[in-house]
Amino acid sequence: AEKVLPEWQLNNLREEAYRDTPSQDAAGAQFSETGQVPSSASNEESSMTKEEIEALQEENRRLKQQAADRDARDAQARQEQLHKDNVAFAEKLVAEGRLAPRASSVVVALLDAVAGGDKPVEFAEGESRTPLATAFRSLLSDGEPVMNFAEQATKERVGDTVKVDVAEFAEADPERLALHQKAVALSKKEGISYEAAVARCL
């Protein structure tokens, strides 16, 4: 036969059960006050030791520093390549007689300044926007050859200014002699300096 517990003993058991199990209202109140659910999340955090937390923080700092160093190296490599391209462009203009040699360093510095960085300078003409470096390159490339009256030879004077006795090249390298003759012919034909003609023949 089943044993029936007295009423007072049943009441004691009910009170013990209520004390051990928090009500939903109590749990909700705790959540509203702290903004956190009293779940296993806090247990997981508390299960990590201080050393483990510090190790994770140190790893995070290390990864951030690696990313910053990589970005800095990439930016420097892009700037160096940009400078090389600008130098080659200026040398090409000088060889074509479109830029005075003494102005090449200024052109390179300007192109480096307006085209460098994460956000190159732009030039607005009407509603269209163009990188200033691109517009500057087009301006120089499409310009007329520079007339340097201090050094520029005219068609009438070129024969006298660059005349060199071929006999002086008799014992020289045949390639150098051919280059000289080609430069003289180009200088006479286009009325440019001997130096510019040599540069264009190279």
C-alpha atoms as a PDB file:
ATOM      1  CA  ALA A   1       0.000   0.000   0.000  1.00  0.00           C
ATOM      2  CA  GLU A   2       1.129   3.526  -0.745  1.00  0.00           C
ATOM      3  CA  LYS A   3       2.236   5.641   2.167  1.00  0.00           C
ATOM      4  CA  VAL A   4       0.436   8.974   2.412  1.00  0.00           C
ATOM      5  CA  LEU A   5       2.557  11.928   3.627  1.00  0.00           C
ATOM      6  CA  PRO A   6       1.101  14.352   6.087  1.00  0.00           C
ATOM      7  CA  GLU A   7      -0.050  17.748   4.761  1.00  0.00           C
ATOM      8  CA  TRP A   8       2.626  19.676   6.668  1.00  0.00           C
ATOM      9  CA  GLN A   9       5.387  17.548   5.116  1.00  0.00           C
ATOM     10  CA  LEU A  10       4.010  18.176   1.601  1.00  0.00           C
ATOM     11  CA  ASN A  11       4.039  21.927   2.245  1.00  0.00           C
ATOM     12  CA  ASN A  12       7.692  21.785   3.344  1.00  0.00           C
ATOM     13  CA  LEU A  13       8.668  19.951   0.146  1.00  0.00           C
ATOM     14  CA  ARG A  14       6.869  22.526  -2.007  1.00  0.00           C
ATOM     15  CA  GLU A  15       8.710  25.396  -0.279  1.00  0.00           C
ATOM     16  CA  GLU A  16      12.075  23.690  -0.803  1.00  0.00           C
ATOM     17  CA  ALA A  17      11.317  23.214  -4.525  1.00  0.00           C
ATOM     18  CA  TYR A  18      10.396  26.901  -4.957  1.00  0.00           C
ATOM     19  CA  ARG A  19      13.603  28.016  -3.253  1.00  0.00           C
ATOM     20  CA  ASP A  20      15.846  25.807  -5.443  1.00  0.00           C
ATOM     21  CA  THR A  21      14.207  26.753  -8.804  1.00  0.00           C
ATOM     22  CA  PRO A  22      14.140  30.528  -9.644  1.00  0.00           C
ATOM     23  CA  SER A  23      10.879  31.678 -11.159  1.00  0.00           C
ATOM     24  CA  GLN A  24      10.597  33.064 -14.711  1.00  0.00           C
ATOM     25  CA  ASP A  25       9.854  36.502 -13.277  1.00  0.00           C
ATOM     26  CA  ALA A  26      13.060  36.440 -11.291  1.00  0.00           C
ATOM     27  CA  ALA A  27      15.058  35.350 -14.330  1.00  0.00           C
ATOM     28  CA  GLY A  28      13.427  38.069 -16.430  1.00  0.00           C
ATOM     29  CA  ALA A  29      14.220  40.685 -13.821  1.00  0.00           C
ATOM     30  CA  GLN A  30      17.828  39.600 -13.760  1.00  0.00           C
ATOM     31  CA  PHE A  31      18.025  39.882 -17.569  1.00  0.00           C
ATOM     32  CA  SER A  32      16.455  43.348 -17.608  1.00  0.00           C
ATOM     33  CA  GLU A  33      18.894  44.624 -14.984  1.00  0.00           C
ATOM     34  CA  THR A  34      22.107  43.203 -16.411  1.00  0.00           C
ATOM     35  CA  GLY A  35      21.242  42.977 -20.128  1.00  0.00           C
ATOM     36  CA  GLN A  36      22.602  39.436 -20.143  1.00  0.00           C
ATOM     37  CA  VAL A  37      20.885  36.112 -20.099  1.00  0.00           C
ATOM     38  CA  PRO A  38      21.964  34.099 -17.061  1.00  0.00           C
ATOM     39  CA  SER A  39      23.007  31.192 -19.215  1.00  0.00           C
ATOM     40  CA  SER A  40      26.046  29.063 -19.877  1.00  0.00           C
ATOM     41  CA  ALA A  41      27.776  32.024 -21.604  1.00  0.00           C
ATOM     42  CA  SER A  42      28.936  33.399 -18.286  1.00  0.00           C
ATOM     43  CA  ASN A  43      30.081  29.940 -17.326  1.00  0.00           C
ATOM     44  CA  GLU A  44      32.141  29.716 -20.521  1.00  0.00           C
ATOM     45  CA  GLU A  45      33.776  33.079 -19.805  1.00  0.00           C
ATOM     46  CA  SER A  46      34.533  32.125 -16.274  1.00  0.00           C
ATOM     47  CA  SER A  47      36.026  28.850 -17.504  1.00  0.00           C
ATOM     48  CA  MET A  48      38.806  30.773 -19.352  1.00  0.00           C
ATOM     49  CA  THR A  49      41.836  31.506 -17.271  1.00  0.00           C
ATOM     50  CA  LYS A  50      43.477  34.914 -17.086  1.00  0.00           C
ATOM     51  CA  GLU A  51      46.446  33.560 -19.024  1.00  0.00           C
ATOM     52  CA  GLU A  52      44.192  32.340 -21.856  1.00  0.00           C
ATOM     53  CA  ILE A  53      42.449  35.717 -22.129  1.00  0.00           C
ATOM     54  CA  GLU A  54      45.790  37.555 -22.215  1.00  0.00           C
ATOM     55  CA  ALA A  55      47.081  35.132 -24.871  1.00  0.00           C
ATOM     56  CA  LEU A  56      44.054  35.826 -27.076  1.00  0.00           C
ATOM     57  CA  GLN A  57      44.487  39.574 -26.665  1.00  0.00           C
ATOM     58  CA  GLU A  58      48.174  39.336 -27.542  1.00  0.00           C
ATOM     59  CA  GLU A  59      47.391  37.253 -30.638  1.00  0.00           C
ATOM     60  CA  ASN A  60      44.834  39.846 -31.724  1.00  0.00           C
ATOM     61  CA  ARG A  61      47.395  42.655 -31.345  1.00  0.00           C
ATOM     62  CA  ARG A  62      49.969  40.654 -33.294  1.00  0.00           C
ATOM     63  CA  LEU A  63      47.592  40.020 -36.202  1.00  0.00           C
ATOM     64  CA  LYS A  64      46.602  43.698 -36.353  1.00  0.00           C
ATOM     65  CA  GLN A  65      50.266  44.740 -36.447  1.00  0.00           C
ATOM     66  CA  GLN A  66      51.002  42.255 -39.235  1.00  0.00           C
ATOM     67  CA  ALA A  67      48.121  43.660 -41.295  1.00  0.00           C
ATOM     68  CA  ALA A  68      49.328  47.238 -40.739  1.00  0.00           C
ATOM     69  CA  ASP A  69      52.906  46.328 -41.730  1.00  0.00           C
ATOM     70  CA  ARG A  70      51.683  44.567 -44.873  1.00  0.00           C
ATOM     71  CA  ASP A  71      49.590  47.584 -45.887  1.00  0.00           C
ATOM     72  CA  ALA A  72      52.591  49.887 -45.355  1.00  0.00           C
ATOM     73  CA  ARG A  73      54.836  47.684 -47.514  1.00  0.00           C
ATOM     74  CA  ASP A  74      52.240  47.536 -50.281  1.00  0.00           C
ATOM     75  CA  ALA A  75      51.824  51.324 -50.238  1.00  0.00           C
ATOM     76  CA  GLN A  76      55.591  51.845 -50.420  1.00  0.00           C
ATOM     77  CA  ALA A  77      55.908  49.393 -53.322  1.00  0.00           C
ATOM     78  CA  ARG A  78      53.132  51.182 -55.217  1.00  0.00           C
ATOM     79  CA  GLN A  79      54.811  54.559 -54.648  1.00  0.00           C
ATOM     80  CA  GLU A  80      58.194  53.266 -55.827  1.00  0.00           C
ATOM     81  CA  GLN A  81      56.669  51.794 -58.994  1.00  0.00           C
ATOM     82  CA  LEU A  82      54.774  55.022 -59.619  1.00  0.00           C
ATOM     83  CA  HIS A  83      58.021  57.002 -59.299  1.00  0.00           C
ATOM     84  CA  LYS A  84      59.775  54.713 -61.790  1.00  0.00           C
ATOM     85  CA  ASP A  85      56.933  55.152 -64.277  1.00  0.00           C
ATOM     86  CA  ASN A  86      57.047  58.928 -63.876  1.00  0.00           C
ATOM     87  CA  VAL A  87      60.819  59.023 -64.402  1.00  0.00           C
ATOM     88  CA  ALA A  88      60.474  56.932 -67.569  1.00  0.00           C
ATOM     89  CA  PHE A  89      57.710  59.248 -68.813  1.00  0.00           C
ATOM     90  CA  ALA A  90      59.826  62.372 -68.226  1.00  0.00           C
ATOM     91  CA  GLU A  91      62.840  60.811 -69.950  1.00  0.00           C
ATOM     92  CA  LYS A  92      60.645  59.950 -72.935  1.00  0.00           C
ATOM     93  CA  LEU A  93      59.479  63.568 -73.173  1.00  0.00           C
ATOM     94  CA  VAL A  94      63.076  64.791 -73.056  1.00  0.00           C
ATOM     95  CA  ALA A  95      64.068  62.322 -75.783  1.00  0.00           C
ATOM     96  CA  GLU A  96      61.183  63.550 -77.951  1.00  0.00           C
ATOM     97  CA  GLY A  97      62.222  67.154 -77.442  1.00  0.00           C
ATOM     98  CA  ARG A  98      58.942  67.972 -75.657  1.00  0.00           C
ATOM     99  CA  LEU A  99      60.566  68.702 -72.306  1.00  0.00           C
ATOM    100  CA  ALA A 100      63.749  70.528 -71.373  1.00  0.00           C
ATOM    101  CA  PRO A 101      66.120  68.200 -69.495  1.00  0.00           C
ATOM    102  CA  ARG A 102      66.354  70.534 -66.506  1.00  0.00           C
ATOM    103  CA  ALA A 103      62.554  70.403 -66.120  1.00  0.00           C
ATOM    104  CA  SER A 104      62.315  66.618 -65.914  1.00  0.00           C
ATOM    105  CA  SER A 105      62.889  66.470 -62.141  1.00  0.00           C
ATOM    106  CA  VAL A 106      60.098  69.006 -61.585  1.00  0.00           C
ATOM    107  CA  VAL A 107      57.690  66.990 -63.737  1.00  0.00           C
ATOM    108  CA  VAL A 108      58.547  63.793 -61.856  1.00  0.00           C
ATOM    109  CA  ALA A 109      58.039  65.481 -58.478  1.00  0.00           C
ATOM    110  CA  LEU A 110      54.664  66.892 -59.555  1.00  0.00           C
ATOM    111  CA  LEU A 111      53.462  63.542 -60.878  1.00  0.00           C
ATOM    112  CA  ASP A 112      54.610  61.782 -57.708  1.00  0.00           C
ATOM    113  CA  ALA A 113      52.717  64.297 -55.575  1.00  0.00           C
ATOM    114  CA  VAL A 114      49.389  64.333 -57.430  1.00  0.00           C
ATOM    115  CA  ALA A 115      49.243  60.604 -58.224  1.00  0.00           C
ATOM    116  CA  GLY A 116      50.524  59.213 -54.934  1.00  0.00           C
ATOM    117  CA  GLY A 117      48.580  58.254 -51.845  1.00  0.00           C
ATOM    118  CA  ASP A 118      45.335  56.344 -51.435  1.00  0.00           C
ATOM    119  CA  LYS A 119      43.246  59.068 -53.109  1.00  0.00           C
ATOM    120  CA  PRO A 120      45.006  60.762 -56.055  1.00  0.00           C
ATOM    121  CA  VAL A 121      44.161  64.389 -56.841  1.00  0.00           C
ATOM    122  CA  GLU A 122      41.457  64.770 -59.495  1.00  0.00           C
ATOM    123  CA  PHE A 123      40.900  67.451 -62.104  1.00  0.00           C
ATOM    124  CA  ALA A 124      37.322  68.553 -62.837  1.00  0.00           C
ATOM    125  CA  GLU A 125      36.373  69.863 -66.264  1.00  0.00           C
ATOM    126  CA  GLY A 126      32.631  70.350 -66.532  1.00  0.00           C
ATOM    127  CA  GLU A 127      30.888  67.312 -65.094  1.00  0.00           C
ATOM    128  CA  SER A 128      33.721  64.887 -65.791  1.00  0.00           C
ATOM    129  CA  ARG A 129      36.528  64.221 -63.338  1.00  0.00           C
ATOM    130  CA  THR A 130      39.962  62.995 -64.378  1.00  0.00           C
ATOM    131  CA  PRO A 131      43.021  62.188 -62.263  1.00  0.00           C
ATOM    132  CA  LEU A 132      45.244  65.271 -62.382  1.00  0.00           C
ATOM    133  CA  ALA A 133      48.294  63.136 -63.192  1.00  0.00           C
ATOM    134  CA  THR A 134      46.532  61.744 -66.275  1.00  0.00           C
ATOM    135  CA  ALA A 135      45.526  65.223 -67.467  1.00  0.00           C
ATOM    136  CA  PHE A 136      49.059  66.529 -66.893  1.00  0.00           C
ATOM    137  CA  ARG A 137      50.596  63.620 -68.807  1.00  0.00           C
ATOM    138  CA  SER A 138      48.239  64.219 -71.735  1.00  0.00           C
ATOM    139  CA  LEU A 139      49.080  67.916 -71.750  1.00  0.00           C
ATOM    140  CA  LEU A 140      52.807  67.233 -71.933  1.00  0.00           C
ATOM    141  CA  SER A 141      52.505  64.400 -74.454  1.00  0.00           C
ATOM    142  CA  ASP A 142      50.341  66.416 -76.841  1.00  0.00           C
ATOM    143  CA  GLY A 143      52.411  69.593 -76.596  1.00  0.00           C
ATOM    144  CA  GLU A 144      54.705  70.960 -79.250  1.00  0.00           C
ATOM    145  CA  PRO A 145      58.432  70.224 -78.998  1.00  0.00           C
ATOM    146  CA  VAL A 146      60.269  72.632 -76.735  1.00  0.00           C
ATOM    147  CA  MET A 147      62.282  75.341 -78.526  1.00  0.00           C
ATOM    148  CA  ASN A 148      65.387  75.978 -76.478  1.00  0.00           C
ATOM    149  CA  PHE A 149      67.043  78.888 -78.280  1.00  0.00           C
ATOM    150  CA  ALA A 150      70.176  78.587 -76.176  1.00  0.00           C
ATOM    151  CA  GLU A 151      70.773  75.043 -77.362  1.00  0.00           C
ATOM    152  CA  GLN A 152      68.314  74.474 -80.226  1.00  0.00           C
ATOM    153  CA  ALA A 153      69.853  74.270 -83.687  1.00  0.00           C
ATOM    154  CA  THR A 154      68.042  75.624 -86.700  1.00  0.00           C
ATOM    155  CA  LYS A 155      68.072  73.844 -90.034  1.00  0.00           C
ATOM    156  CA  GLU A 156      70.440  76.471 -91.370  1.00  0.00           C
ATOM    157  CA  ARG A 157      72.891  76.204 -88.464  1.00  0.00           C
ATOM    158  CA  VAL A 158      72.657  72.519 -87.707  1.00  0.00           C
ATOM    159  CA  GLY A 159      75.314  71.574 -90.241  1.00  0.00           C
ATOM    160  CA  ASP A 160      77.841  73.812 -88.529  1.00  0.00           C
ATOM    161  CA  THR A 161      76.917  73.054 -84.917  1.00  0.00           C
ATOM    162  CA  VAL A 162      76.971  69.285 -85.135  1.00  0.00           C
ATOM    163  CA  LYS A 163      79.443  68.823 -87.975  1.00  0.00           C
ATOM    164  CA  VAL A 164      81.974  66.218 -86.972  1.00  0.00           C
ATOM    165  CA  ASP A 165      84.674  64.908 -89.252  1.00  0.00           C
ATOM    166  CA  VAL A 166      83.791  61.326 -90.097  1.00  0.00           C
ATOM    167  CA  ALA A 167      87.493  60.559 -90.054  1.00  0.00           C
ATOM    168  CA  GLU A 168      87.388  60.937 -86.278  1.00  0.00           C
ATOM    169  CA  PHE A 169      85.090  57.899 -86.205  1.00  0.00           C
ATOM    170  CA  ALA A 170      87.179  55.853 -88.623  1.00  0.00           C
ATOM    171  CA  GLU A 171      88.635  53.777 -85.838  1.00  0.00           C
ATOM    172  CA  ALA A 172      85.546  53.971 -83.634  1.00  0.00           C
ATOM    173  CA  ASP A 173      82.852  51.365 -83.118  1.00  0.00           C
ATOM    174  CA  PRO A 174      80.808  51.024 -86.332  1.00  0.00           C
ATOM    175  CA  GLU A 175      77.606  51.146 -84.295  1.00  0.00           C
ATOM    176  CA  ARG A 176      78.610  54.485 -82.774  1.00  0.00           C
ATOM    177  CA  LEU A 177      79.450  55.842 -86.209  1.00  0.00           C
ATOM    178  CA  ALA A 178      76.060  54.723 -87.535  1.00  0.00           C
ATOM    179  CA  LEU A 179      74.331  56.310 -84.543  1.00  0.00           C
ATOM    180  CA  HIS A 180      76.198  59.574 -85.150  1.00  0.00           C
ATOM    181  CA  GLN A 181      75.279  59.693 -88.824  1.00  0.00           C
ATOM    182  CA  LYS A 182      71.646  58.870 -88.062  1.00  0.00           C
ATOM    183  CA  ALA A 183      71.484  61.572 -85.374  1.00  0.00           C
ATOM    184  CA  VAL A 184      73.007  64.175 -87.717  1.00  0.00           C
ATOM    185  CA  ALA A 185      70.472  63.342 -90.410  1.00  0.00           C
ATOM    186  CA  LEU A 186      67.574  63.506 -87.947  1.00  0.00           C
ATOM    187  CA  SER A 187      68.852  66.776 -86.514  1.00  0.00           C
ATOM    188  CA  LYS A 188      69.018  68.335 -89.992  1.00  0.00           C
ATOM    189  CA  LYS A 189      65.627  66.963 -90.988  1.00  0.00           C
ATOM    190  CA  GLU A 190      63.640  68.111 -87.945  1.00  0.00           C
ATOM    191  CA  GLY A 191      65.738  71.062 -86.826  1.00  0.00           C
ATOM    192  CA  ILE A 192      66.334  69.687 -83.349  1.00  0.00           C
ATOM    193  CA  SER A 193      69.498  69.662 -81.295  1.00  0.00           C
ATOM    194  CA  TYR A 194      72.111  66.991 -81.860  1.00  0.00           C
ATOM    195  CA  GLU A 195      71.651  65.743 -78.282  1.00  0.00           C
ATOM    196  CA  ALA A 196      67.885  65.371 -78.739  1.00  0.00           C
ATOM    197  CA  ALA A 197      68.460  63.571 -82.028  1.00  0.00           C
ATOM    198  CA  VAL A 198      70.886  61.146 -80.384  1.00  0.00           C
ATOM    199  CA  ALA A 199      68.398  60.482 -77.587  1.00  0.00           C
ATOM    200  CA  ARG A 200      65.662  59.703 -80.103  1.00  0.00           C
ATOM    201  CA  CYS A 201      67.916  57.376 -82.052  1.00  0.00           C
ATOM    202  CA  LEU A 202      68.819  55.308 -78.999  1.00  0.00           C
END
